[in-house]
Amino acid sequence: MRFKAPGANTFVPLEGTALIPIGSTVDTTNGTIKLTTTHGTAGGLQTARFHDGRFVLRQKRKRRADTELRLAVKLSCGSAGAARRRKRKVNGLWGSGKGRYTVTGHDGATAVKGTTWLTQDRCDGTFVRVRSGVVRVRDFRLRRTVTVRAGETYLARRRGA
């Protein structure tokens, strides 16, 4: 695992316990990171594990703000026809834990309710798979929130498709 602080040009190895600044890009393609973040003004801690992806760590400065993990690899999909043909080209992130974590892709965002889930950007949209628990998915194109339970999947289709 490695991370790149905001404004830095290179990734540095991430070993042991470290303080990762908000705005950093974290690469977990070769490992798992256990994120512990504070929530709310009371300083409550929340913990989740993430692996198999690259994301930018974000959190708004407001009370009860979710910790956001924005998928960092942009896909080059071309036209809608090419997107259907290259549906397997993906950028994703697995997560497991409880707390106020949101994983944001290009076409949708997942909000955790204590679960194991995958958020994956594909050329045809943002795909969500839930292994255990429940995840709320915000579909940006349809402007609605969908609840996805264990064993279910959801595809927030690409905008303009």
Protein backbone atom coordinates (compact mmCIF):
# COMPACT_ATOMS: atom_id res chain seq x y z
CA MET A 1 0.00 0.00 0.00
CA ARG A 2 1.03 3.57 -0.61
CA PHE A 3 -0.32 7.09 -0.54
CA LYS A 4 0.34 10.49 -2.09
CA ALA A 5 -0.29 13.57 0.06
CA PRO A 6 -2.10 16.57 -1.49
CA GLY A 7 0.35 18.54 -3.66
CA ALA A 8 2.92 15.73 -3.70
CA ASN A 9 4.14 14.21 -6.97
CA THR A 10 5.02 10.71 -5.81
CA PHE A 11 3.50 7.91 -3.78
CA VAL A 12 5.22 6.85 -0.55
CA PRO A 13 4.91 3.41 1.07
CA LEU A 14 2.34 3.09 3.84
CA GLU A 15 3.53 0.85 6.66
CA GLY A 16 2.17 0.45 10.16
CA THR A 17 0.03 3.21 11.63
CA ALA A 18 0.11 6.58 9.88
CA LEU A 19 -1.82 9.82 9.77
CA ILE A 20 -3.11 10.32 6.22
CA PRO A 21 -4.13 13.91 5.42
CA ILE A 22 -7.54 14.62 3.90
CA GLY A 23 -7.09 15.05 0.15
CA SER A 24 -4.50 12.27 -0.13
CA THR A 25 -4.68 9.61 -2.83
CA VAL A 26 -4.47 6.11 -1.35
CA ASP A 27 -3.49 3.07 -3.45
CA THR A 28 -4.72 -0.24 -2.03
CA THR A 29 -4.35 -2.31 -5.20
CA ASN A 30 -1.75 -4.46 -3.45
CA GLY A 31 -3.07 -4.58 0.09
CA THR A 32 -5.75 -3.66 2.61
CA ILE A 33 -5.95 -0.45 4.63
CA LYS A 34 -7.80 -0.14 7.92
CA LEU A 35 -9.14 3.42 8.10
CA THR A 36 -10.10 4.88 11.43
CA THR A 37 -11.68 8.31 11.20
CA THR A 38 -13.43 10.65 13.59
CA HIS A 39 -17.09 11.38 13.23
CA GLY A 40 -18.85 14.40 14.61
CA THR A 41 -17.80 16.94 17.17
CA ALA A 42 -17.76 14.40 20.00
CA GLY A 43 -14.79 12.68 18.33
CA GLY A 44 -16.47 9.30 17.91
CA LEU A 45 -14.29 6.83 15.99
CA GLN A 46 -15.38 4.64 13.08
CA THR A 47 -13.37 1.94 11.35
CA ALA A 48 -13.54 0.14 8.01
CA ARG A 49 -11.17 -1.81 5.75
CA PHE A 50 -10.67 -1.08 2.05
CA HIS A 51 -8.75 -2.95 -0.65
CA ASP A 52 -8.24 -3.49 -4.39
CA GLY A 53 -8.54 0.13 -5.50
CA ARG A 54 -7.25 3.69 -5.57
CA PHE A 55 -9.18 6.56 -3.98
CA VAL A 56 -8.94 10.15 -2.77
CA LEU A 57 -9.74 10.57 0.93
CA ARG A 58 -12.18 13.45 1.58
CA GLN A 59 -14.33 14.75 4.43
CA LYS A 60 -16.33 17.96 4.64
CA ARG A 61 -15.80 20.21 7.63
CA LYS A 62 -19.27 19.96 9.06
CA ARG A 63 -20.96 18.12 11.85
CA ARG A 64 -21.70 14.43 11.12
CA ALA A 65 -19.96 14.51 7.73
CA ASP A 66 -19.32 11.18 6.01
CA THR A 67 -15.76 10.18 5.19
CA GLU A 68 -15.73 10.07 1.39
CA LEU A 69 -13.51 7.82 -0.70
CA ARG A 70 -13.69 9.07 -4.29
CA LEU A 71 -12.51 6.53 -6.87
CA ALA A 72 -9.33 8.04 -8.32
CA VAL A 73 -8.76 6.23 -11.62
CA LYS A 74 -10.64 7.76 -14.54
CA LEU A 75 -11.80 5.34 -17.22
CA SER A 76 -11.38 6.14 -20.90
CA CYS A 77 -14.46 4.59 -22.47
CA GLY A 78 -15.15 6.56 -25.65
CA SER A 79 -18.60 6.35 -27.26
CA ALA A 80 -21.63 4.59 -25.79
CA GLY A 81 -21.16 1.66 -28.22
CA ALA A 82 -17.53 1.32 -27.20
CA ALA A 83 -18.61 1.51 -23.55
CA ARG A 84 -20.85 -1.54 -24.00
CA ARG A 85 -18.05 -3.47 -25.69
CA ARG A 86 -15.53 -2.55 -22.96
CA LYS A 87 -17.86 -3.11 -20.03
CA ARG A 88 -15.18 -5.19 -18.27
CA LYS A 89 -12.75 -2.26 -17.99
CA VAL A 90 -13.20 -1.25 -14.37
CA ASN A 91 -11.95 0.79 -11.43
CA GLY A 92 -13.29 -0.42 -8.10
CA LEU A 93 -12.86 -0.55 -4.35
CA TRP A 94 -13.94 -3.21 -1.83
CA GLY A 95 -14.94 -2.05 1.63
CA SER A 96 -15.93 -3.73 4.87
CA GLY A 97 -16.98 -2.04 8.08
CA LYS A 98 -19.37 0.23 9.91
CA GLY A 99 -19.59 3.97 10.12
CA ARG A 100 -20.32 6.92 7.89
CA TYR A 101 -18.25 6.03 4.82
CA THR A 102 -19.26 6.93 1.27
CA VAL A 103 -17.50 5.55 -1.82
CA THR A 104 -18.13 7.80 -4.82
CA GLY A 105 -17.78 6.71 -8.43
CA HIS A 106 -18.54 8.60 -11.64
CA ASP A 107 -22.24 7.71 -11.83
CA GLY A 108 -23.18 6.79 -8.28
CA ALA A 109 -22.16 6.73 -4.64
CA THR A 110 -22.55 4.12 -1.90
CA ALA A 111 -23.18 4.89 1.75
CA VAL A 112 -22.38 2.19 4.27
CA LYS A 113 -24.73 0.71 6.86
CA GLY A 114 -22.31 -1.89 8.29
CA THR A 115 -21.51 -4.23 5.47
CA THR A 116 -19.09 -5.74 2.95
CA TRP A 117 -19.50 -4.20 -0.48
CA LEU A 118 -17.87 -3.34 -3.81
CA THR A 119 -18.18 -0.03 -5.65
CA GLN A 120 -16.85 -0.27 -9.18
CA ASP A 121 -16.69 2.30 -11.99
CA ARG A 122 -17.22 0.64 -15.36
CA CYS A 123 -17.73 2.04 -18.84
CA ASP A 124 -21.48 1.38 -18.57
CA GLY A 125 -21.86 2.98 -15.10
CA THR A 126 -21.08 2.53 -11.41
CA PHE A 127 -21.70 -1.04 -10.27
CA VAL A 128 -22.39 -2.04 -6.65
CA ARG A 129 -22.28 -5.57 -5.19
CA VAL A 130 -23.20 -6.25 -1.54
CA ARG A 131 -21.87 -9.40 0.15
CA SER A 132 -23.30 -8.75 3.61
CA GLY A 133 -25.37 -6.03 5.23
CA VAL A 134 -27.07 -3.12 3.49
CA VAL A 135 -25.77 -0.26 1.33
CA ARG A 136 -27.57 2.89 0.16
CA VAL A 137 -26.72 3.74 -3.46
CA ARG A 138 -27.23 7.26 -4.80
CA ASP A 139 -27.89 7.06 -8.57
CA PHE A 140 -26.79 10.42 -9.99
CA ARG A 141 -28.55 9.98 -13.36
CA LEU A 142 -31.94 8.97 -11.92
CA ARG A 143 -31.54 11.28 -8.90
CA ARG A 144 -32.74 8.63 -6.47
CA THR A 145 -31.38 6.50 -3.65
CA VAL A 146 -31.70 2.70 -3.81
CA THR A 147 -31.20 0.26 -0.93
CA VAL A 148 -29.10 -2.78 -1.91
CA ARG A 149 -29.08 -5.78 0.43
CA ALA A 150 -26.74 -8.78 0.81
CA GLY A 151 -26.56 -10.88 -2.36
CA GLU A 152 -27.91 -8.06 -4.54
CA THR A 153 -26.25 -5.83 -7.14
CA TYR A 154 -27.12 -2.45 -8.65
CA LEU A 155 -25.87 -0.57 -11.71
CA ALA A 156 -26.14 3.22 -11.72
CA ARG A 157 -26.07 3.63 -15.50
CA ARG A 158 -23.69 6.08 -17.11
CA ARG A 159 -25.09 9.58 -17.53
CA GLY A 160 -26.01 10.30 -21.13
CA ALA A 161 -26.50 6.59 -21.92
